[in-house]
Amino acid sequence: MKVIFGDSRNMKEVEDNSVGLVLTSPPYYNAPFDFPDLFPSYSDYLSLLNEVGKEVFRVLEEGRVAVFVVADMRVDGVLYPIVADLIK
């Protein structure tokens, strides 16, 4: 087994089509106290998830599964449809 610490937007250490399952829990959009400069806007947050998704697709074996643990978030009274936007 090999453990790699890094950014899942760039998994250069992982070969194409070499992973059987991906389970990820990205930072939640309403967690700026943990990641104050990671996603300054909702659009930036979705872009981050899209970058991760592209890299996950690259490393997954054909026909295998990726699981993203996300939820819709309400921030300052505004509901962000993260699940629907991620699927889209």
PDB file of N, CA and C in Angstrom:
ATOM      1  N   MET A   1       0.850  -1.178   0.000  1.00  0.00           N
ATOM      2  CA  MET A   1       0.000   0.000   0.000  1.00  0.00           C
ATOM      3  C   MET A   1       0.893   1.237   0.000  1.00  0.00           C
ATOM      4  N   LYS A   2       0.425   2.279  -0.672  1.00  0.00           N
ATOM      5  CA  LYS A   2       1.174   3.525  -0.764  1.00  0.00           C
ATOM      6  C   LYS A   2       0.255   4.677  -0.390  1.00  0.00           C
ATOM      7  N   VAL A   3       0.688   5.534   0.514  1.00  0.00           N
ATOM      8  CA  VAL A   3      -0.077   6.714   0.916  1.00  0.00           C
ATOM      9  C   VAL A   3       0.629   7.936   0.338  1.00  0.00           C
ATOM     10  N   ILE A   4      -0.144   8.781  -0.336  1.00  0.00           N
ATOM     11  CA  ILE A   4       0.399   9.991  -0.941  1.00  0.00           C
ATOM     12  C   ILE A   4      -0.357  11.182  -0.363  1.00  0.00           C
ATOM     13  N   PHE A   5       0.351  12.128   0.167  1.00  0.00           N
ATOM     14  CA  PHE A   5      -0.255  13.367   0.643  1.00  0.00           C
ATOM     15  C   PHE A   5      -0.083  14.421  -0.446  1.00  0.00           C
ATOM     16  N   GLY A   6      -1.178  15.047  -0.848  1.00  0.00           N
ATOM     17  CA  GLY A   6      -1.075  16.048  -1.892  1.00  0.00           C
ATOM     18  C   GLY A   6      -2.423  16.631  -2.235  1.00  0.00           C
ATOM     19  N   ASP A   7      -2.483  17.242  -3.384  1.00  0.00           N
ATOM     20  CA  ASP A   7      -3.675  17.921  -3.862  1.00  0.00           C
ATOM     21  C   ASP A   7      -4.342  17.025  -4.905  1.00  0.00           C
ATOM     22  N   SER A   8      -5.591  16.670  -4.693  1.00  0.00           N
ATOM     23  CA  SER A   8      -6.269  15.737  -5.592  1.00  0.00           C
ATOM     24  C   SER A   8      -6.610  16.352  -6.951  1.00  0.00           C
ATOM     25  N   ARG A   9      -6.316  17.621  -7.145  1.00  0.00           N
ATOM     26  CA  ARG A   9      -6.474  18.220  -8.471  1.00  0.00           C
ATOM     27  C   ARG A   9      -5.315  17.833  -9.386  1.00  0.00           C
ATOM     28  N   ASN A  10      -4.253  17.295  -8.788  1.00  0.00           N
ATOM     29  CA  ASN A  10      -3.092  16.863  -9.561  1.00  0.00           C
ATOM     30  C   ASN A  10      -2.509  15.624  -8.893  1.00  0.00           C
ATOM     31  N   MET A  11      -2.899  14.466  -9.381  1.00  0.00           N
ATOM     32  CA  MET A  11      -2.427  13.198  -8.816  1.00  0.00           C
ATOM     33  C   MET A  11      -1.424  12.560  -9.776  1.00  0.00           C
ATOM     34  N   LYS A  12      -0.378  13.311 -10.097  1.00  0.00           N
ATOM     35  CA  LYS A  12       0.599  12.861 -11.089  1.00  0.00           C
ATOM     36  C   LYS A  12       1.278  11.552 -10.695  1.00  0.00           C
ATOM     37  N   GLU A  13       1.283  11.227  -9.416  1.00  0.00           N
ATOM     38  CA  GLU A  13       1.906   9.982  -8.952  1.00  0.00           C
ATOM     39  C   GLU A  13       1.047   8.754  -9.272  1.00  0.00           C
ATOM     40  N   VAL A  14      -0.210   8.987  -9.650  1.00  0.00           N
ATOM     41  CA  VAL A  14      -1.153   7.895  -9.895  1.00  0.00           C
ATOM     42  C   VAL A  14      -1.323   7.708 -11.408  1.00  0.00           C
ATOM     43  N   GLU A  15      -1.162   6.481 -11.845  1.00  0.00           N
ATOM     44  CA  GLU A  15      -1.281   6.178 -13.274  1.00  0.00           C
ATOM     45  C   GLU A  15      -2.735   6.285 -13.744  1.00  0.00           C
ATOM     46  N   ASP A  16      -2.907   6.543 -15.021  1.00  0.00           N
ATOM     47  CA  ASP A  16      -4.235   6.548 -15.642  1.00  0.00           C
ATOM     48  C   ASP A  16      -4.889   5.178 -15.431  1.00  0.00           C
ATOM     49  N   ASN A  17      -6.190   5.192 -15.231  1.00  0.00           N
ATOM     50  CA  ASN A  17      -6.991   3.959 -15.153  1.00  0.00           C
ATOM     51  C   ASN A  17      -6.421   2.937 -14.184  1.00  0.00           C
ATOM     52  N   SER A  18      -6.004   3.378 -13.009  1.00  0.00           N
ATOM     53  CA  SER A  18      -5.347   2.456 -12.083  1.00  0.00           C
ATOM     54  C   SER A  18      -6.033   2.344 -10.727  1.00  0.00           C
ATOM     55  N   VAL A  19      -7.139   3.043 -10.532  1.00  0.00           N
ATOM     56  CA  VAL A  19      -7.796   3.078  -9.223  1.00  0.00           C
ATOM     57  C   VAL A  19      -9.187   2.460  -9.346  1.00  0.00           C
ATOM     58  N   GLY A  20      -9.534   1.596  -8.397  1.00  0.00           N
ATOM     59  CA  GLY A  20     -10.816   0.901  -8.444  1.00  0.00           C
ATOM     60  C   GLY A  20     -11.953   1.630  -7.764  1.00  0.00           C
ATOM     61  N   LEU A  21     -11.666   2.527  -6.831  1.00  0.00           N
ATOM     62  CA  LEU A  21     -12.706   3.266  -6.110  1.00  0.00           C
ATOM     63  C   LEU A  21     -12.115   4.553  -5.574  1.00  0.00           C
ATOM     64  N   VAL A  22     -12.864   5.636  -5.713  1.00  0.00           N
ATOM     65  CA  VAL A  22     -12.477   6.912  -5.112  1.00  0.00           C
ATOM     66  C   VAL A  22     -13.590   7.332  -4.176  1.00  0.00           C
ATOM     67  N   LEU A  23     -13.226   7.654  -2.957  1.00  0.00           N
ATOM     68  CA  LEU A  23     -14.148   8.203  -1.966  1.00  0.00           C
ATOM     69  C   LEU A  23     -13.513   9.482  -1.463  1.00  0.00           C
ATOM     70  N   THR A  24     -14.182  10.597  -1.684  1.00  0.00           N
ATOM     71  CA  THR A  24     -13.606  11.872  -1.278  1.00  0.00           C
ATOM     72  C   THR A  24     -14.641  12.730  -0.569  1.00  0.00           C
ATOM     73  N   SER A  25     -14.185  13.464   0.404  1.00  0.00           N
ATOM     74  CA  SER A  25     -15.018  14.415   1.124  1.00  0.00           C
ATOM     75  C   SER A  25     -14.334  15.771   1.029  1.00  0.00           C
ATOM     76  N   PRO A  26     -14.623  16.500  -0.058  1.00  0.00           N
ATOM     77  CA  PRO A  26     -13.949  17.786  -0.242  1.00  0.00           C
ATOM     78  C   PRO A  26     -14.370  18.780   0.838  1.00  0.00           C
ATOM     79  N   PRO A  27     -13.615  19.849   1.003  1.00  0.00           N
ATOM     80  CA  PRO A  27     -14.028  20.870   1.971  1.00  0.00           C
ATOM     81  C   PRO A  27     -15.429  21.362   1.639  1.00  0.00           C
ATOM     82  N   TYR A  28     -16.237  21.567   2.656  1.00  0.00           N
ATOM     83  CA  TYR A  28     -17.575  22.093   2.427  1.00  0.00           C
ATOM     84  C   TYR A  28     -17.515  23.573   2.105  1.00  0.00           C
ATOM     85  N   TYR A  29     -18.435  24.022   1.266  1.00  0.00           N
ATOM     86  CA  TYR A  29     -18.442  25.422   0.850  1.00  0.00           C
ATOM     87  C   TYR A  29     -18.633  26.370   2.032  1.00  0.00           C
ATOM     88  N   ASN A  30     -19.294  25.921   3.065  1.00  0.00           N
ATOM     89  CA  ASN A  30     -19.551  26.808   4.214  1.00  0.00           C
ATOM     90  C   ASN A  30     -18.487  26.661   5.300  1.00  0.00           C
ATOM     91  N   ALA A  31     -17.291  26.224   4.938  1.00  0.00           N
ATOM     92  CA  ALA A  31     -16.231  26.035   5.932  1.00  0.00           C
ATOM     93  C   ALA A  31     -15.075  27.015   5.724  1.00  0.00           C
ATOM     94  N   PRO A  32     -15.359  28.305   5.568  1.00  0.00           N
ATOM     95  CA  PRO A  32     -14.262  29.246   5.329  1.00  0.00           C
ATOM     96  C   PRO A  32     -13.306  29.361   6.513  1.00  0.00           C
ATOM     97  N   PHE A  33     -13.740  28.967   7.691  1.00  0.00           N
ATOM     98  CA  PHE A  33     -12.851  29.030   8.856  1.00  0.00           C
ATOM     99  C   PHE A  33     -11.722  28.021   8.745  1.00  0.00           C
ATOM    100  N   ASP A  34     -11.915  26.945   8.015  1.00  0.00           N
ATOM    101  CA  ASP A  34     -10.855  25.962   7.790  1.00  0.00           C
ATOM    102  C   ASP A  34     -10.005  26.305   6.571  1.00  0.00           C
ATOM    103  N   PHE A  35     -10.623  26.886   5.554  1.00  0.00           N
ATOM    104  CA  PHE A  35      -9.960  27.147   4.281  1.00  0.00           C
ATOM    105  C   PHE A  35     -10.304  28.560   3.805  1.00  0.00           C
ATOM    106  N   PRO A  36      -9.805  29.595   4.483  1.00  0.00           N
ATOM    107  CA  PRO A  36     -10.281  30.954   4.212  1.00  0.00           C
ATOM    108  C   PRO A  36     -10.025  31.470   2.801  1.00  0.00           C
ATOM    109  N   ASP A  37      -9.001  31.001   2.114  1.00  0.00           N
ATOM    110  CA  ASP A  37      -8.701  31.521   0.780  1.00  0.00           C
ATOM    111  C   ASP A  37      -8.860  30.470  -0.313  1.00  0.00           C
ATOM    112  N   LEU A  38      -9.390  29.318   0.020  1.00  0.00           N
ATOM    113  CA  LEU A  38      -9.460  28.229  -0.948  1.00  0.00           C
ATOM    114  C   LEU A  38     -10.496  28.489  -2.032  1.00  0.00           C
ATOM    115  N   PHE A  39     -11.652  29.006  -1.665  1.00  0.00           N
ATOM    116  CA  PHE A  39     -12.695  29.282  -2.661  1.00  0.00           C
ATOM    117  C   PHE A  39     -13.402  30.582  -2.291  1.00  0.00           C
ATOM    118  N   PRO A  40     -12.953  31.688  -2.886  1.00  0.00           N
ATOM    119  CA  PRO A  40     -13.532  32.996  -2.564  1.00  0.00           C
ATOM    120  C   PRO A  40     -14.949  33.193  -3.068  1.00  0.00           C
ATOM    121  N   SER A  41     -15.414  32.341  -4.011  1.00  0.00           N
ATOM    122  CA  SER A  41     -16.781  32.462  -4.508  1.00  0.00           C
ATOM    123  C   SER A  41     -17.328  31.063  -4.783  1.00  0.00           C
ATOM    124  N   TYR A  42     -18.631  30.983  -4.962  1.00  0.00           N
ATOM    125  CA  TYR A  42     -19.263  29.695  -5.272  1.00  0.00           C
ATOM    126  C   TYR A  42     -18.757  29.159  -6.604  1.00  0.00           C
ATOM    127  N   SER A  43     -18.576  30.034  -7.562  1.00  0.00           N
ATOM    128  CA  SER A  43     -18.046  29.634  -8.860  1.00  0.00           C
ATOM    129  C   SER A  43     -16.649  29.034  -8.706  1.00  0.00           C
ATOM    130  N   ASP A  44     -15.819  29.634  -7.875  1.00  0.00           N
ATOM    131  CA  ASP A  44     -14.478  29.097  -7.620  1.00  0.00           C
ATOM    132  C   ASP A  44     -14.562  27.727  -6.953  1.00  0.00           C
ATOM    133  N   TYR A  45     -15.519  27.569  -6.050  1.00  0.00           N
ATOM    134  CA  TYR A  45     -15.714  26.282  -5.376  1.00  0.00           C
ATOM    135  C   TYR A  45     -16.091  25.193  -6.384  1.00  0.00           C
ATOM    136  N   LEU A  46     -17.025  25.503  -7.264  1.00  0.00           N
ATOM    137  CA  LEU A  46     -17.424  24.523  -8.283  1.00  0.00           C
ATOM    138  C   LEU A  46     -16.271  24.221  -9.235  1.00  0.00           C
ATOM    139  N   SER A  47     -15.470  25.206  -9.537  1.00  0.00           N
ATOM    140  CA  SER A  47     -14.294  24.979 -10.379  1.00  0.00           C
ATOM    141  C   SER A  47     -13.321  24.018  -9.710  1.00  0.00           C
ATOM    142  N   LEU A  48     -13.133  24.174  -8.404  1.00  0.00           N
ATOM    143  CA  LEU A  48     -12.276  23.266  -7.662  1.00  0.00           C
ATOM    144  C   LEU A  48     -12.805  21.839  -7.753  1.00  0.00           C
ATOM    145  N   LEU A  49     -14.112  21.661  -7.529  1.00  0.00           N
ATOM    146  CA  LEU A  49     -14.705  20.323  -7.613  1.00  0.00           C
ATOM    147  C   LEU A  49     -14.577  19.757  -9.028  1.00  0.00           C
ATOM    148  N   ASN A  50     -14.710  20.605 -10.042  1.00  0.00           N
ATOM    149  CA  ASN A  50     -14.572  20.164 -11.425  1.00  0.00           C
ATOM    150  C   ASN A  50     -13.144  19.686 -11.713  1.00  0.00           C
ATOM    151  N   GLU A  51     -12.161  20.414 -11.213  1.00  0.00           N
ATOM    152  CA  GLU A  51     -10.761  20.014 -11.397  1.00  0.00           C
ATOM    153  C   GLU A  51     -10.496  18.662 -10.736  1.00  0.00           C
ATOM    154  N   VAL A  52     -11.017  18.486  -9.538  1.00  0.00           N
ATOM    155  CA  VAL A  52     -10.867  17.202  -8.847  1.00  0.00           C
ATOM    156  C   VAL A  52     -11.554  16.107  -9.652  1.00  0.00           C
ATOM    157  N   GLY A  53     -12.757  16.384 -10.142  1.00  0.00           N
ATOM    158  CA  GLY A  53     -13.501  15.393 -10.917  1.00  0.00           C
ATOM    159  C   GLY A  53     -12.760  14.945 -12.164  1.00  0.00           C
ATOM    160  N   LYS A  54     -12.135  15.869 -12.862  1.00  0.00           N
ATOM    161  CA  LYS A  54     -11.373  15.508 -14.060  1.00  0.00           C
ATOM    162  C   LYS A  54     -10.216  14.578 -13.717  1.00  0.00           C
ATOM    163  N   GLU A  55      -9.531  14.876 -12.638  1.00  0.00           N
ATOM    164  CA  GLU A  55      -8.391  14.054 -12.242  1.00  0.00           C
ATOM    165  C   GLU A  55      -8.851  12.690 -11.731  1.00  0.00           C
ATOM    166  N   VAL A  56      -9.954  12.666 -11.000  1.00  0.00           N
ATOM    167  CA  VAL A  56     -10.519  11.396 -10.542  1.00  0.00           C
ATOM    168  C   VAL A  56     -10.911  10.540 -11.743  1.00  0.00           C
ATOM    169  N   PHE A  57     -11.530  11.142 -12.736  1.00  0.00           N
ATOM    170  CA  PHE A  57     -11.922  10.405 -13.940  1.00  0.00           C
ATOM    171  C   PHE A  57     -10.699   9.805 -14.633  1.00  0.00           C
ATOM    172  N   ARG A  58      -9.613  10.549 -14.642  1.00  0.00           N
ATOM    173  CA  ARG A  58      -8.388  10.080 -15.282  1.00  0.00           C
ATOM    174  C   ARG A  58      -7.824   8.845 -14.596  1.00  0.00           C
ATOM    175  N   VAL A  59      -7.829   8.822 -13.267  1.00  0.00           N
ATOM    176  CA  VAL A  59      -7.180   7.717 -12.549  1.00  0.00           C
ATOM    177  C   VAL A  59      -8.085   6.510 -12.352  1.00  0.00           C
ATOM    178  N   LEU A  60      -9.402   6.694 -12.468  1.00  0.00           N
ATOM    179  CA  LEU A  60     -10.319   5.567 -12.257  1.00  0.00           C
ATOM    180  C   LEU A  60     -10.240   4.547 -13.381  1.00  0.00           C
ATOM    181  N   GLU A  61     -10.289   3.273 -13.004  1.00  0.00           N
ATOM    182  CA  GLU A  61     -10.415   2.219 -13.997  1.00  0.00           C
ATOM    183  C   GLU A  61     -11.782   2.343 -14.662  1.00  0.00           C
ATOM    184  N   GLU A  62     -11.869   1.948 -15.913  1.00  0.00           N
ATOM    185  CA  GLU A  62     -13.129   2.031 -16.645  1.00  0.00           C
ATOM    186  C   GLU A  62     -14.221   1.253 -15.906  1.00  0.00           C
ATOM    187  N   GLY A  63     -15.390   1.882 -15.770  1.00  0.00           N
ATOM    188  CA  GLY A  63     -16.528   1.234 -15.129  1.00  0.00           C
ATOM    189  C   GLY A  63     -16.508   1.284 -13.613  1.00  0.00           C
ATOM    190  N   ARG A  64     -15.515   1.923 -13.025  1.00  0.00           N
ATOM    191  CA  ARG A  64     -15.427   1.998 -11.565  1.00  0.00           C
ATOM    192  C   ARG A  64     -16.143   3.230 -11.042  1.00  0.00           C
ATOM    193  N   VAL A  65     -16.159   3.394  -9.726  1.00  0.00           N
ATOM    194  CA  VAL A  65     -17.023   4.377  -9.071  1.00  0.00           C
ATOM    195  C   VAL A  65     -16.227   5.429  -8.313  1.00  0.00           C
ATOM    196  N   ALA A  66     -16.736   6.657  -8.375  1.00  0.00           N
ATOM    197  CA  ALA A  66     -16.227   7.751  -7.542  1.00  0.00           C
ATOM    198  C   ALA A  66     -17.375   8.244  -6.677  1.00  0.00           C
ATOM    199  N   VAL A  67     -17.101   8.441  -5.399  1.00  0.00           N
ATOM    200  CA  VAL A  67     -18.105   8.928  -4.447  1.00  0.00           C
ATOM    201  C   VAL A  67     -17.618  10.260  -3.889  1.00  0.00           C
ATOM    202  N   PHE A  68     -18.422  11.301  -4.066  1.00  0.00           N
ATOM    203  CA  PHE A  68     -18.125  12.614  -3.499  1.00  0.00           C
ATOM    204  C   PHE A  68     -19.101  12.850  -2.349  1.00  0.00           C
ATOM    205  N   VAL A  69     -18.591  13.040  -1.154  1.00  0.00           N
ATOM    206  CA  VAL A  69     -19.435  13.323   0.001  1.00  0.00           C
ATOM    207  C   VAL A  69     -19.620  14.842   0.054  1.00  0.00           C
ATOM    208  N   VAL A  70     -20.772  15.283  -0.450  1.00  0.00           N
ATOM    209  CA  VAL A  70     -21.095  16.709  -0.472  1.00  0.00           C
ATOM    210  C   VAL A  70     -22.555  16.878  -0.057  1.00  0.00           C
ATOM    211  N   ALA A  71     -22.920  18.096   0.238  1.00  0.00           N
ATOM    212  CA  ALA A  71     -24.307  18.397   0.591  1.00  0.00           C
ATOM    213  C   ALA A  71     -24.611  19.827   0.165  1.00  0.00           C
ATOM    214  N   ASP A  72     -25.893  20.076  -0.117  1.00  0.00           N
ATOM    215  CA  ASP A  72     -26.306  21.451  -0.357  1.00  0.00           C
ATOM    216  C   ASP A  72     -26.036  22.251   0.911  1.00  0.00           C
ATOM    217  N   MET A  73     -25.678  23.510   0.744  1.00  0.00           N
ATOM    218  CA  MET A  73     -25.317  24.346   1.880  1.00  0.00           C
ATOM    219  C   MET A  73     -26.132  25.632   1.875  1.00  0.00           C
ATOM    220  N   ARG A  74     -26.471  26.076   3.064  1.00  0.00           N
ATOM    221  CA  ARG A  74     -27.097  27.391   3.222  1.00  0.00           C
ATOM    222  C   ARG A  74     -26.065  28.281   3.908  1.00  0.00           C
ATOM    223  N   VAL A  75     -25.677  29.360   3.232  1.00  0.00           N
ATOM    224  CA  VAL A  75     -24.697  30.299   3.761  1.00  0.00           C
ATOM    225  C   VAL A  75     -25.330  31.686   3.748  1.00  0.00           C
ATOM    226  N   ASP A  76     -25.428  32.294   4.909  1.00  0.00           N
ATOM    227  CA  ASP A  76     -26.032  33.627   5.040  1.00  0.00           C
ATOM    228  C   ASP A  76     -27.401  33.692   4.383  1.00  0.00           C
ATOM    229  N   GLY A  77     -28.191  32.628   4.551  1.00  0.00           N
ATOM    230  CA  GLY A  77     -29.551  32.585   4.039  1.00  0.00           C
ATOM    231  C   GLY A  77     -29.685  32.187   2.576  1.00  0.00           C
ATOM    232  N   VAL A  78     -28.584  31.979   1.893  1.00  0.00           N
ATOM    233  CA  VAL A  78     -28.610  31.591   0.478  1.00  0.00           C
ATOM    234  C   VAL A  78     -28.346  30.093   0.372  1.00  0.00           C
ATOM    235  N   LEU A  79     -29.235  29.388  -0.342  1.00  0.00           N
ATOM    236  CA  LEU A  79     -29.064  27.948  -0.532  1.00  0.00           C
ATOM    237  C   LEU A  79     -28.241  27.699  -1.790  1.00  0.00           C
ATOM    238  N   TYR A  80     -27.159  26.960  -1.632  1.00  0.00           N
ATOM    239  CA  TYR A  80     -26.283  26.602  -2.746  1.00  0.00           C
ATOM    240  C   TYR A  80     -26.539  25.142  -3.108  1.00  0.00           C
ATOM    241  N   PRO A  81     -27.011  24.856  -4.350  1.00  0.00           N
ATOM    242  CA  PRO A  81     -27.366  23.493  -4.760  1.00  0.00           C
ATOM    243  C   PRO A  81     -26.134  22.698  -5.211  1.00  0.00           C
ATOM    244  N   ILE A  82     -25.243  22.426  -4.283  1.00  0.00           N
ATOM    245  CA  ILE A  82     -23.961  21.812  -4.601  1.00  0.00           C
ATOM    246  C   ILE A  82     -24.128  20.444  -5.232  1.00  0.00           C
ATOM    247  N   VAL A  83     -25.026  19.645  -4.701  1.00  0.00           N
ATOM    248  CA  VAL A  83     -25.204  18.290  -5.236  1.00  0.00           C
ATOM    249  C   VAL A  83     -25.620  18.351  -6.704  1.00  0.00           C
ATOM    250  N   ALA A  84     -26.634  19.137  -7.020  1.00  0.00           N
ATOM    251  CA  ALA A  84     -27.100  19.257  -8.413  1.00  0.00           C
ATOM    252  C   ALA A  84     -26.024  19.847  -9.304  1.00  0.00           C
ATOM    253  N   ASP A  85     -25.314  20.855  -8.817  1.00  0.00           N
ATOM    254  CA  ASP A  85     -24.269  21.471  -9.629  1.00  0.00           C
ATOM    255  C   ASP A  85     -23.101  20.528  -9.857  1.00  0.00           C
ATOM    256  N   LEU A  86     -22.777  19.708  -8.884  1.00  0.00           N
ATOM    257  CA  LEU A  86     -21.700  18.726  -9.052  1.00  0.00           C
ATOM    258  C   LEU A  86     -22.088  17.662 -10.075  1.00  0.00           C
ATOM    259  N   ILE A  87     -23.321  17.204 -10.011  1.00  0.00           N
ATOM    260  CA  ILE A  87     -23.799  16.208 -10.980  1.00  0.00           C
ATOM    261  C   ILE A  87     -23.805  16.788 -12.384  1.00  0.00           C
ATOM    262  N   LYS A  88     -24.233  18.047 -12.485  1.00  0.00           N
ATOM    263  CA  LYS A  88     -24.286  18.709 -13.793  1.00  0.00           C
ATOM    264  C   LYS A  88     -22.891  18.820 -14.371  1.00  0.00           C
TER     265      LYS A  88
END
